Protein backbone atom coordinates (compact mmCIF):
# COMPACT_ATOMS: atom_id res chain seq x y z
CA MET A 1 0.19 32.59 -15.69
CA GLU A 2 -0.09 28.80 -15.03
CA LYS A 3 -3.41 27.12 -15.03
CA LYS A 4 -5.09 26.11 -11.74
CA VAL A 5 -4.51 22.44 -11.29
CA ARG A 6 -7.58 20.37 -11.69
CA THR A 7 -7.77 16.72 -11.34
CA ARG A 8 -10.69 14.20 -11.45
CA ILE A 9 -12.07 10.64 -10.90
CA ALA A 10 -14.63 9.47 -13.20
CA PRO A 11 -16.13 6.09 -12.12
CA SER A 12 -18.95 4.36 -13.44
CA PRO A 13 -22.01 3.29 -11.40
CA THR A 14 -21.90 -0.32 -12.17
CA GLY A 15 -21.82 -1.88 -8.81
CA ASP A 16 -20.13 -1.73 -5.50
CA PRO A 17 -17.41 1.07 -5.35
CA HIS A 18 -14.07 -0.33 -6.04
CA VAL A 19 -11.01 -0.04 -3.85
CA GLY A 20 -9.19 0.89 -7.04
CA THR A 21 -11.43 3.98 -7.26
CA ALA A 22 -10.46 5.04 -3.89
CA TYR A 23 -6.72 4.49 -4.50
CA ILE A 24 -6.86 6.62 -7.69
CA ALA A 25 -9.00 9.15 -6.02
CA LEU A 26 -6.47 9.44 -3.09
CA PHE A 27 -3.62 10.39 -5.49
CA ASN A 28 -5.73 12.78 -7.34
CA LEU A 29 -6.84 14.36 -4.25
CA ALA A 30 -3.28 14.43 -2.84
CA PHE A 31 -1.95 16.01 -6.02
CA ALA A 32 -4.41 18.65 -6.48
CA ASN A 33 -4.29 19.74 -2.77
CA SER A 34 -0.65 19.81 -2.82
CA GLN A 35 -0.83 22.21 -5.83
CA LYS A 36 -3.65 24.21 -4.20
CA GLY A 37 -6.00 22.92 -6.95
CA ASP A 38 -9.20 21.26 -7.11
CA PHE A 39 -10.28 17.54 -7.17
CA ILE A 40 -13.59 16.81 -8.85
CA LEU A 41 -15.93 13.66 -9.22
CA ARG A 42 -17.71 12.97 -12.38
CA ILE A 43 -20.03 10.08 -12.94
CA GLU A 44 -19.53 8.32 -16.19
CA ASP A 45 -22.86 6.58 -16.72
CA THR A 46 -23.41 6.62 -20.50
CA ASP A 47 -23.35 2.75 -20.50
CA GLN A 48 -26.81 2.19 -19.47
CA ASN A 49 -26.49 -1.73 -19.92
CA ARG A 50 -24.14 -1.86 -16.98
CA TYR A 51 -25.77 0.67 -14.69
CA THR A 52 -26.77 -0.56 -11.38
CA GLU A 53 -29.29 1.17 -9.25
CA GLY A 54 -27.91 2.82 -6.08
CA SER A 55 -24.32 2.41 -7.30
CA GLU A 56 -23.95 6.27 -7.73
CA GLN A 57 -24.98 6.91 -4.10
CA MET A 58 -22.56 4.17 -2.74
CA ILE A 59 -19.89 5.96 -4.84
CA PHE A 60 -20.77 9.18 -2.88
CA ASP A 61 -20.98 7.53 0.39
CA ALA A 62 -17.67 5.72 -0.02
CA MET A 63 -15.72 8.92 -0.93
CA HIS A 64 -17.11 10.72 1.95
CA TRP A 65 -16.58 7.92 4.33
CA LEU A 66 -12.92 7.93 3.48
CA ASP A 67 -12.68 11.85 3.70
CA LEU A 68 -11.83 11.92 -0.17
CA ASN A 69 -13.86 14.94 -0.42
CA TYR A 70 -14.09 16.62 -3.90
CA ALA A 71 -14.69 20.27 -4.56
CA GLU A 72 -17.24 19.60 -7.36
CA GLY A 73 -19.54 16.64 -8.30
CA PRO A 74 -23.19 15.50 -8.72
CA ASP A 75 -23.93 15.55 -5.05
CA VAL A 76 -22.13 18.82 -4.34
CA GLY A 77 -22.41 20.88 -7.49
CA GLY A 78 -19.93 23.24 -9.14
CA GLU A 79 -19.49 25.74 -12.05
CA TYR A 80 -18.35 23.04 -14.57
CA GLY A 81 -21.58 20.85 -14.20
CA PRO A 82 -23.53 18.82 -14.76
CA TYR A 83 -21.20 16.05 -13.45
CA ARG A 84 -23.05 13.09 -14.81
CA GLN A 85 -22.48 12.15 -18.42
CA SER A 86 -26.07 11.21 -18.84
CA GLU A 87 -27.07 14.84 -18.13
CA ARG A 88 -24.52 16.08 -20.92
CA PHE A 89 -25.62 13.71 -23.57
CA HIS A 90 -26.58 16.21 -25.99
CA LEU A 91 -22.94 17.62 -26.08
CA TYR A 92 -21.28 14.52 -27.51
CA GLY A 93 -23.21 14.19 -30.60
CA GLU A 94 -22.61 17.72 -31.26
CA TYR A 95 -18.74 17.52 -30.72
CA ALA A 96 -18.61 14.23 -32.81
CA LYS A 97 -20.30 16.03 -35.80
CA LYS A 98 -17.95 19.00 -35.36
CA LEU A 99 -15.00 16.60 -35.95
CA VAL A 100 -16.77 15.33 -39.20
CA GLU A 101 -17.03 19.01 -40.30
CA ARG A 102 -13.39 19.58 -39.60
CA GLY A 103 -12.50 16.48 -41.69
CA GLU A 104 -11.06 14.61 -38.60
CA ALA A 105 -13.96 12.01 -38.36
CA TYR A 106 -16.41 10.41 -40.69
CA TYR A 107 -19.73 8.39 -40.87
CA CYS A 108 -19.34 4.75 -41.04
CA PHE A 109 -22.23 2.68 -42.43
CA CYS A 110 -20.66 -0.77 -42.01
CA SER A 111 -23.18 -3.38 -40.79
CA GLN A 112 -22.45 -5.72 -37.93
CA GLU A 113 -22.39 -8.60 -40.37
CA ARG A 114 -19.48 -6.79 -42.40
CA LEU A 115 -17.61 -6.09 -39.22
CA GLU A 116 -17.86 -9.64 -37.97
CA LYS A 117 -16.54 -10.92 -41.32
CA LEU A 118 -13.80 -8.44 -41.20
CA ARG A 119 -12.64 -9.88 -37.87
CA GLU A 120 -12.93 -13.43 -38.88
CA ARG A 121 -10.79 -12.68 -41.96
CA GLN A 122 -8.23 -10.70 -39.83
CA LYS A 123 -7.97 -13.55 -37.33
CA ALA A 124 -7.55 -16.17 -40.10
CA MET A 125 -4.70 -14.13 -41.40
CA GLY A 126 -3.11 -13.74 -38.17
CA LYS A 127 -3.82 -10.02 -37.86
CA ALA A 128 -4.81 -7.85 -35.05
CA PRO A 129 -8.52 -7.13 -35.31
CA GLY A 130 -9.46 -3.56 -36.29
CA TYR A 131 -11.59 -1.48 -38.64
CA ASP A 132 -10.13 -1.38 -42.23
CA GLY A 133 -11.25 2.25 -43.04
CA HIS A 134 -13.91 1.00 -45.58
CA CYS A 135 -16.06 4.24 -45.15
CA ARG A 136 -13.27 6.51 -44.77
CA SER A 137 -13.13 6.90 -48.66
CA LEU A 138 -16.71 7.58 -49.27
CA SER A 139 -17.44 10.77 -51.23
CA PRO A 140 -19.65 13.50 -49.62
CA GLU A 141 -22.30 12.54 -52.16
CA GLU A 142 -22.45 8.96 -51.09
CA VAL A 143 -22.24 9.78 -47.49
CA GLN A 144 -25.29 12.29 -47.82
CA ALA A 145 -27.23 9.69 -50.08
CA LYS A 146 -26.85 7.05 -47.23
CA LEU A 147 -27.92 9.82 -44.61
CA ASP A 148 -30.87 10.64 -46.53
CA ALA A 149 -31.82 6.98 -46.93
CA GLY A 150 -31.73 6.67 -43.17
CA GLU A 151 -29.11 4.04 -43.04
CA PRO A 152 -27.64 3.47 -39.70
CA TYR A 153 -24.10 4.90 -38.79
CA VAL A 154 -21.51 5.36 -36.27
CA ILE A 155 -18.92 8.19 -36.29
CA ARG A 156 -15.23 7.08 -36.33
CA LEU A 157 -12.02 9.24 -35.65
CA LYS A 158 -9.55 9.54 -38.62
CA MET A 159 -6.38 8.24 -37.17
CA PRO A 160 -3.16 9.14 -38.98
CA TYR A 161 -1.96 6.18 -41.17
CA GLU A 162 1.68 7.26 -40.69
CA GLY A 163 3.92 8.52 -37.82
CA GLU A 164 3.79 7.97 -34.12
CA THR A 165 1.67 9.17 -31.13
CA VAL A 166 3.77 9.95 -28.14
CA ILE A 167 2.44 9.84 -24.70
CA LYS A 168 4.69 12.04 -22.39
CA ASP A 169 3.83 10.34 -19.20
CA ARG A 170 5.28 12.18 -16.17
CA LEU A 171 6.15 9.02 -14.39
CA ARG A 172 7.09 6.68 -17.30
CA GLY A 173 8.59 9.14 -19.80
CA ASP A 174 7.81 8.84 -23.54
CA ILE A 175 5.61 5.98 -24.57
CA VAL A 176 5.51 5.59 -28.36
CA PHE A 177 2.77 4.01 -30.31
CA GLU A 178 2.78 3.55 -34.19
CA ASN A 179 -0.28 5.09 -35.64
CA ASN A 180 -0.76 2.47 -38.36
CA LYS A 181 -1.46 -0.07 -35.50
CA ILE A 182 -4.38 2.05 -34.05
CA ASP A 183 -7.68 1.68 -35.84
CA ASP A 184 -10.30 4.29 -36.48
CA GLN A 185 -12.16 4.25 -33.02
CA VAL A 186 -15.70 4.71 -32.83
CA LEU A 187 -16.67 8.04 -31.24
CA LEU A 188 -20.48 7.98 -31.51
CA LYS A 189 -22.39 4.61 -31.53
CA ALA A 190 -25.44 3.93 -33.82
CA ASP A 191 -27.74 4.59 -30.81
CA GLY A 192 -26.52 8.10 -30.50
CA PHE A 193 -24.49 7.28 -27.26
CA PRO A 194 -20.85 8.33 -27.16
CA THR A 195 -18.07 5.93 -26.43
CA TYR A 196 -15.76 6.29 -23.54
CA HIS A 197 -13.23 7.92 -25.51
CA LEU A 198 -15.16 10.84 -26.85
CA ALA A 199 -17.23 11.42 -23.64
CA ASN A 200 -14.09 11.39 -21.60
CA VAL A 201 -12.01 13.82 -23.67
CA VAL A 202 -14.81 16.19 -24.23
CA ASP A 203 -15.77 16.27 -20.52
CA ASP A 204 -12.15 16.63 -19.41
CA HIS A 205 -11.61 19.67 -21.81
CA LEU A 206 -14.77 21.40 -20.89
CA MET A 207 -14.29 20.80 -16.97
CA GLY A 208 -10.73 22.22 -17.37
CA ILE A 209 -8.93 19.12 -16.32
CA THR A 210 -5.19 19.75 -16.29
CA HIS A 211 -3.80 16.34 -15.13
CA VAL A 212 -5.35 12.89 -15.82
CA ILE A 213 -4.06 10.66 -13.13
CA ARG A 214 -5.50 7.10 -13.73
CA ALA A 215 -4.48 3.36 -13.67
CA GLU A 216 -1.90 2.11 -15.99
CA GLU A 217 -4.56 -0.08 -17.82
CA TRP A 218 -5.68 3.07 -19.58
CA ILE A 219 -2.25 3.56 -21.33
CA ALA A 220 -3.38 1.79 -24.49
CA SER A 221 -6.30 4.17 -24.90
CA THR A 222 -4.33 7.29 -24.33
CA PRO A 223 -3.02 7.58 -28.13
CA LYS A 224 -6.75 7.74 -29.14
CA HIS A 225 -7.31 10.43 -26.57
CA ILE A 226 -4.18 12.33 -27.59
CA GLN A 227 -5.42 12.26 -31.33
CA LEU A 228 -8.93 13.36 -30.21
CA TYR A 229 -7.27 16.46 -28.65
CA ARG A 230 -5.29 17.12 -31.65
CA ALA A 231 -8.30 16.73 -33.82
CA PHE A 232 -10.35 19.27 -31.71
CA GLY A 233 -7.39 21.64 -31.56
CA TRP A 234 -7.41 21.44 -27.81
CA GLU A 235 -4.39 21.51 -25.46
CA GLN A 236 -4.04 17.97 -23.86
CA PRO A 237 -3.63 17.53 -20.12
CA GLU A 238 -0.69 16.03 -18.41
CA PHE A 239 -1.04 12.17 -18.29
CA ILE A 240 0.15 10.28 -15.30
CA HIS A 241 -0.60 6.46 -15.11
CA MET A 242 -0.42 4.89 -11.86
CA PRO A 243 0.71 1.31 -11.06
CA LEU A 244 -2.17 -1.03 -10.76
CA LEU A 245 -3.08 -2.66 -7.59
CA ARG A 246 -2.11 -6.47 -7.73
CA ASN A 247 -2.80 -9.56 -5.99
CA ALA A 248 0.15 -11.48 -4.29
CA ASP A 249 0.76 -13.54 -7.59
CA ARG A 250 1.22 -10.10 -9.41
CA THR A 251 -2.09 -10.43 -11.33
CA LYS A 252 -4.50 -7.36 -11.40
CA ILE A 253 -6.51 -7.15 -8.20
CA SER A 254 -9.94 -8.79 -8.73
CA LYS A 255 -12.61 -10.15 -6.55
CA ARG A 256 -11.74 -13.64 -7.23
CA LYS A 257 -8.63 -13.36 -5.11
CA ASN A 258 -9.39 -10.19 -2.92
CA PRO A 259 -12.28 -8.34 -1.78
CA VAL A 260 -12.54 -5.26 -3.95
CA SER A 261 -15.70 -3.58 -2.63
CA LEU A 262 -15.18 -0.53 -0.37
CA ASN A 263 -18.44 -1.45 1.15
CA TRP A 264 -17.03 -4.87 2.34
CA TYR A 265 -14.12 -3.15 3.97
CA LYS A 266 -16.31 -0.78 5.71
CA GLU A 267 -18.75 -3.62 6.91
CA GLN A 268 -15.74 -5.50 8.19
CA GLY A 269 -14.80 -2.63 10.53
CA TYR A 270 -11.88 -1.32 8.86
CA LEU A 271 -11.21 2.37 9.76
CA LYS A 272 -11.25 4.99 7.19
CA GLU A 273 -7.93 6.23 8.56
CA GLY A 274 -6.50 2.65 8.20
CA MET A 275 -7.92 2.28 4.53
CA ILE A 276 -6.40 5.52 3.29
CA ASN A 277 -3.04 4.91 4.96
CA PHE A 278 -2.85 1.47 3.41
CA LEU A 279 -3.95 2.79 -0.11
CA GLY A 280 -1.15 5.58 0.38
CA LEU A 281 1.42 2.93 0.73
CA MET A 282 0.38 1.57 -2.60
CA GLY A 283 3.11 3.08 -4.93
CA TYR A 284 4.38 5.82 -2.51
CA SER A 285 6.94 5.99 0.30
CA PHE A 286 7.47 8.81 2.77
CA GLY A 287 10.86 7.64 3.40
CA GLU A 288 12.74 7.06 6.75
CA ASN A 289 10.52 3.89 7.02
CA LYS A 290 7.38 5.86 8.05
CA GLU A 291 4.39 3.72 7.36
CA ILE A 292 1.81 5.05 9.59
CA PHE A 293 0.26 8.46 8.80
CA THR A 294 -2.85 10.43 8.42
CA LEU A 295 -4.59 11.65 5.24
CA GLN A 296 -3.35 15.21 6.01
CA GLU A 297 0.15 14.12 6.50
CA PHE A 298 -0.03 12.18 3.18
CA ILE A 299 -1.05 15.26 1.47
CA ASP A 300 1.48 17.51 3.15
CA ASN A 301 4.36 15.13 2.10
CA PHE A 302 2.90 14.32 -1.28
CA ASN A 303 5.13 14.49 -4.19
CA ILE A 304 3.71 12.99 -7.46
CA ASP A 305 7.33 12.35 -8.62
CA LYS A 306 7.94 9.99 -5.79
CA VAL A 307 5.44 7.35 -6.96
CA SER A 308 6.89 4.00 -7.45
CA LEU A 309 6.09 2.08 -10.56
CA GLY A 310 6.51 -1.42 -9.11
CA GLY A 311 3.04 -3.00 -8.89
CA PRO A 312 1.82 -2.54 -5.29
CA VAL A 313 0.48 -5.78 -3.73
CA PHE A 314 -2.90 -5.35 -2.12
CA ASP A 315 -2.01 -7.43 1.02
CA LEU A 316 -4.74 -8.00 3.62
CA VAL A 317 -2.17 -8.88 6.17
CA LYS A 318 -0.50 -5.57 5.67
CA LEU A 319 -3.75 -3.75 5.78
CA GLY A 320 -4.77 -5.44 8.89
CA TRP A 321 -1.61 -4.28 10.73
CA VAL A 322 -2.10 -0.76 9.52
CA ASN A 323 -5.61 -0.68 10.68
CA ASN A 324 -4.55 -2.12 13.85
CA GLN A 325 -2.03 0.77 14.48
CA HIS A 326 -4.83 3.40 13.86
CA MET A 327 -7.31 1.60 16.19
CA ARG A 328 -4.61 1.78 18.73
CA MET A 329 -3.97 5.49 18.18
CA LYS A 330 -7.61 6.43 17.97
CA ASP A 331 -9.35 8.36 20.93
CA LEU A 332 -10.80 5.42 23.15
CA ASP A 333 -14.23 6.96 23.29
CA GLU A 334 -14.42 7.74 19.44
CA LEU A 335 -13.25 4.10 18.76
CA THR A 336 -15.96 2.54 21.21
CA LYS A 337 -18.65 4.39 19.46
CA LEU A 338 -17.59 3.29 16.05
CA ALA A 339 -17.55 -0.31 17.53
CA ILE A 340 -21.03 -0.10 19.04
CA PRO A 341 -22.69 -1.11 15.67
CA PHE A 342 -20.66 -4.27 15.45
CA TYR A 343 -21.53 -5.21 19.05
CA GLN A 344 -25.07 -4.57 18.02
CA ARG A 345 -24.80 -7.02 14.98
CA ALA A 346 -23.31 -9.52 17.07
CA GLY A 347 -26.33 -9.36 19.22
CA PHE A 348 -24.31 -8.30 22.48
CA VAL A 349 -26.14 -4.97 23.12
CA GLY A 350 -29.56 -3.58 21.94
CA GLU A 351 -30.37 -0.60 19.89
CA ASN A 352 -30.09 1.71 23.06
CA VAL A 353 -26.87 1.16 25.06
CA SER A 354 -26.96 2.22 28.56
CA ASP A 355 -24.26 4.01 30.53
CA HIS A 356 -23.27 0.94 32.37
CA GLU A 357 -23.05 -1.14 29.04
CA TYR A 358 -21.06 1.68 27.38
CA ARG A 359 -18.48 1.71 30.37
CA ALA A 360 -18.07 -2.06 29.97
CA LEU A 361 -17.83 -1.77 26.05
CA THR A 362 -15.06 0.75 26.53
CA LYS A 363 -13.08 -1.61 28.65
CA MET A 364 -13.49 -4.17 26.13
CA VAL A 365 -12.45 -2.09 23.35
CA GLU A 366 -9.51 -0.76 25.26
CA ILE A 367 -8.14 -4.29 25.87
CA LEU A 368 -9.01 -5.89 22.46
CA ARG A 369 -7.86 -3.18 20.19
CA GLU A 370 -4.28 -3.99 21.02
CA SER A 371 -4.42 -7.21 18.91
CA ALA A 372 -7.55 -6.89 16.85
CA GLN A 373 -7.38 -5.84 13.16
CA THR A 374 -10.96 -4.64 12.72
CA LEU A 375 -13.80 -3.36 14.76
CA LYS A 376 -15.66 -6.44 13.89
CA GLU A 377 -12.81 -8.53 15.31
CA ILE A 378 -13.06 -6.45 18.55
CA ALA A 379 -16.84 -7.24 18.71
CA GLU A 380 -16.34 -11.05 18.03
CA GLY A 381 -13.57 -11.28 20.46
CA SER A 382 -15.76 -9.94 23.19
CA GLU A 383 -18.13 -12.93 23.49
CA VAL A 384 -16.21 -14.29 26.57
CA TYR A 385 -17.42 -11.18 28.33
CA PHE A 386 -21.07 -11.57 27.56
CA LYS A 387 -21.61 -15.30 27.79
CA ASP A 388 -21.97 -16.36 31.36
CA THR A 389 -23.20 -19.91 30.77
CA PHE A 390 -21.04 -22.24 28.76
CA GLU A 391 -19.76 -25.86 28.43
CA LEU A 392 -16.45 -27.13 28.60
CA PRO A 393 -15.05 -27.92 25.21
CA VAL A 394 -14.67 -31.65 24.10
CA VAL A 395 -12.05 -33.26 21.94
CA THR A 396 -13.24 -33.63 18.34
CA GLU A 397 -11.79 -35.37 15.29
CA ASP A 398 -11.23 -32.36 13.44
CA MET A 399 -8.95 -30.76 16.11
CA ASN A 400 -5.20 -30.45 15.33
CA LYS A 401 -2.67 -31.77 17.91
CA LYS A 402 -2.24 -28.42 19.45
CA GLU A 403 -6.09 -27.82 19.90
CA ARG A 404 -6.54 -31.48 21.22
CA LYS A 405 -3.78 -30.97 23.80
CA SER A 406 -5.14 -27.67 25.08
CA VAL A 407 -8.67 -29.05 25.57
CA GLU A 408 -7.38 -32.22 27.33
CA LYS A 409 -5.17 -30.01 29.56
CA LEU A 410 -7.99 -27.75 30.38
CA ASN A 411 -10.49 -30.63 31.32
CA ALA A 412 -7.72 -32.43 33.35
CA SER A 413 -7.16 -29.28 35.25
CA ILE A 414 -10.39 -29.33 37.22
CA GLU A 415 -9.85 -32.93 38.22
CA ASP A 416 -6.45 -32.17 39.64
CA PRO A 417 -6.35 -31.67 43.47
CA VAL A 418 -4.48 -28.49 43.13
CA GLY A 419 -6.88 -27.19 40.65
CA LYS A 420 -9.80 -27.81 43.07
CA GLU A 421 -8.06 -26.16 45.75
CA ALA A 422 -7.34 -23.12 43.43
CA ILE A 423 -11.03 -22.85 42.77
CA LYS A 424 -12.14 -23.11 46.36
CA LEU A 425 -9.64 -20.49 47.41
CA PHE A 426 -10.49 -18.03 44.70
CA ILE A 427 -14.24 -18.34 45.70
CA LYS A 428 -13.34 -17.26 49.19
CA LYS A 429 -11.29 -14.45 47.95
CA LEU A 430 -14.08 -13.15 45.74
CA GLU A 431 -16.53 -13.51 48.51
CA ALA A 432 -14.28 -11.46 50.82
CA TRP A 433 -13.82 -8.64 48.19
CA GLU A 434 -15.83 -5.71 49.39
CA LYS A 435 -16.27 -4.06 46.11
CA GLU A 436 -18.04 -4.95 43.05
CA ASP A 437 -15.30 -4.01 40.46
CA PHE A 438 -11.68 -4.67 39.98
CA THR A 439 -9.04 -2.61 38.48
CA VAL A 440 -6.57 -4.48 36.24
CA ASP A 441 -3.90 -4.41 38.88
CA GLU A 442 -6.43 -5.69 41.66
CA ALA A 443 -7.38 -8.62 39.41
CA LYS A 444 -3.84 -9.61 38.74
CA ASP A 445 -2.99 -9.31 42.55
CA MET A 446 -6.02 -11.51 43.42
CA LEU A 447 -4.87 -14.28 40.85
CA HIS A 448 -1.29 -14.16 41.81
CA SER A 449 -2.00 -14.31 45.63
CA THR A 450 -3.99 -17.60 44.94
CA MET A 451 -0.97 -18.83 43.36
CA ASP A 452 1.32 -17.82 46.06
CA GLU A 453 -0.78 -19.19 48.66
CA LEU A 454 -1.17 -22.70 47.12
CA GLU A 455 2.69 -22.50 46.31
CA ALA A 456 1.84 -23.90 42.99
CA GLY A 457 2.63 -22.85 39.36
CA ALA A 458 0.72 -20.77 37.07
CA GLY A 459 -0.54 -23.55 34.96
CA LYS A 460 -1.83 -25.51 37.98
CA VAL A 461 -3.76 -22.57 39.21
CA PHE A 462 -4.84 -20.46 36.34
CA MET A 463 -5.97 -23.25 33.90
CA PRO A 464 -8.67 -24.63 36.25
CA LEU A 465 -9.79 -21.00 36.93
CA ARG A 466 -9.84 -20.40 33.22
CA ALA A 467 -12.07 -23.56 32.90
CA VAL A 468 -14.81 -22.21 35.30
CA ILE A 469 -14.62 -18.61 34.41
CA THR A 470 -14.36 -18.82 30.67
CA GLY A 471 -14.70 -22.26 29.56
CA GLN A 472 -11.89 -21.76 27.06
CA ALA A 473 -8.56 -23.31 26.95
CA ARG A 474 -7.13 -20.19 25.50
CA GLY A 475 -8.22 -16.69 24.95
CA ALA A 476 -8.78 -13.51 27.09
CA ASP A 477 -6.57 -12.87 30.11
CA LEU A 478 -8.35 -13.94 33.22
CA TYR A 479 -7.57 -10.45 34.91
CA ASN A 480 -9.12 -8.75 31.98
CA VAL A 481 -12.31 -10.87 32.39
CA LEU A 482 -12.41 -10.08 35.98
CA TYR A 483 -11.89 -6.43 35.27
CA ILE A 484 -14.79 -6.15 32.65
CA ILE A 485 -17.57 -8.58 34.36
CA GLY A 486 -16.80 -7.79 37.98
CA LYS A 487 -17.20 -9.71 41.16
CA THR A 488 -20.80 -10.84 40.89
CA ARG A 489 -20.71 -12.31 37.45
CA THR A 490 -17.34 -14.01 38.03
CA LEU A 491 -18.67 -15.76 41.28
CA ALA A 492 -21.96 -16.85 39.47
CA ARG A 493 -19.94 -18.31 36.55
CA ILE A 494 -17.69 -20.34 38.98
CA LYS A 495 -20.48 -21.58 41.27
CA THR A 496 -22.49 -22.56 37.90
CA MET A 497 -19.65 -24.60 36.59
CA VAL A 498 -18.72 -26.13 39.90
CA GLU A 499 -22.31 -27.50 40.29
CA LYS A 500 -22.55 -28.47 36.58
CA TYR A 501 -19.37 -30.48 36.67
CA ASN A 502 -19.35 -31.48 40.30
CA ILE A 503 -15.91 -30.07 40.86
CA ILE A 504 -15.65 -29.51 44.59
């Protein structure tokens, strides 16, 4: 009978949750679910020097935000707990000493001074740094005497001096390491804390992990893990090393070149659907040029053997496009509710949004989601709908040629006789309009009828109207502004600008 598939992610609470954690979590979740298995979360917090207060909760929040829901974890429980390494501390020392008893590990009493001199000597000789096995040959009597004397020690694994360790990676085939090039790793440090290698292997075994799906940067550590499984006499899991997320220059993704905090992406207004979709594209293809999909579609389609090993580029332009597609697909009411906090942050609405404000926001979101890449962009792009008093732009030295030309054209339009007539006629049309609101089509008709009656081109008519309704040379379509702000505010804007600039 085959074992139930169990996968995991095991992040460390050392800062903001990383996009790489979500990327690896997605593939672990998809594989486990596609095999009717379990996906779990374990917190590896034995490195107390790097522990960051609040980081653990941020990991939980980020995973739940993205719907990367785990069957077991510190905040949801499970029969294989506890799921924090700090709560499993007593186990690691016990297992390290079991290896000593089995003759698979040994006490090392070398001082930091000796180890430093060893590294300097190896460096001078052009050798790779590594432990030389000095304490490996101590007799049981010598070891006991040092223990009785209270000498500080670490416990090291006895690596084979000869032969090879072979990683049978599902995606990469056999990866071969020569054993004589791998030193005797520390398992238990002098302070009693386990190293990553020991804690990771013990926990994966005790939690029944069947498949270790992690980033390719862990390949170099895997021979040590395989030898640990061998030393314990345990069956090793299947190893699957995913390609690293990379910057455009093919270097490993880092905060120097790309935002890597999941919190940052949430605060910028990326949808969870867009983020998951984008991460799913990193190293995986549906085929048939399908690039937009839901989390469930990804899981339903998932085949771990279709993962591509080419380094996926974490491209913010592509992420923006993917996110835009999901904003356009999302239910308008739901999207508006998601956008409200960004409108509040921008100061456009207060804590309590009235029904009237909500209807206006819905109109804005409906229009702006067509081109915006994030919820934050939707809110920021809405300023023209809120700001009823403004100045006409002026030419500045830092403007490029295109910007300068647009501003000059806008300001000239209100001095042009046709422009003045267009503003007069439009005021009359607005005053004669019997309703407060416009549909988009009614707003378009009013604008085009103004142009038709003056027998003038669009530039001659729409540019001066843009000047007095928005004060912007480019931006929101005029009919959308009318549709959102209505008759009264449109008239008030025009009359204010006419008086301020003595236009007619």
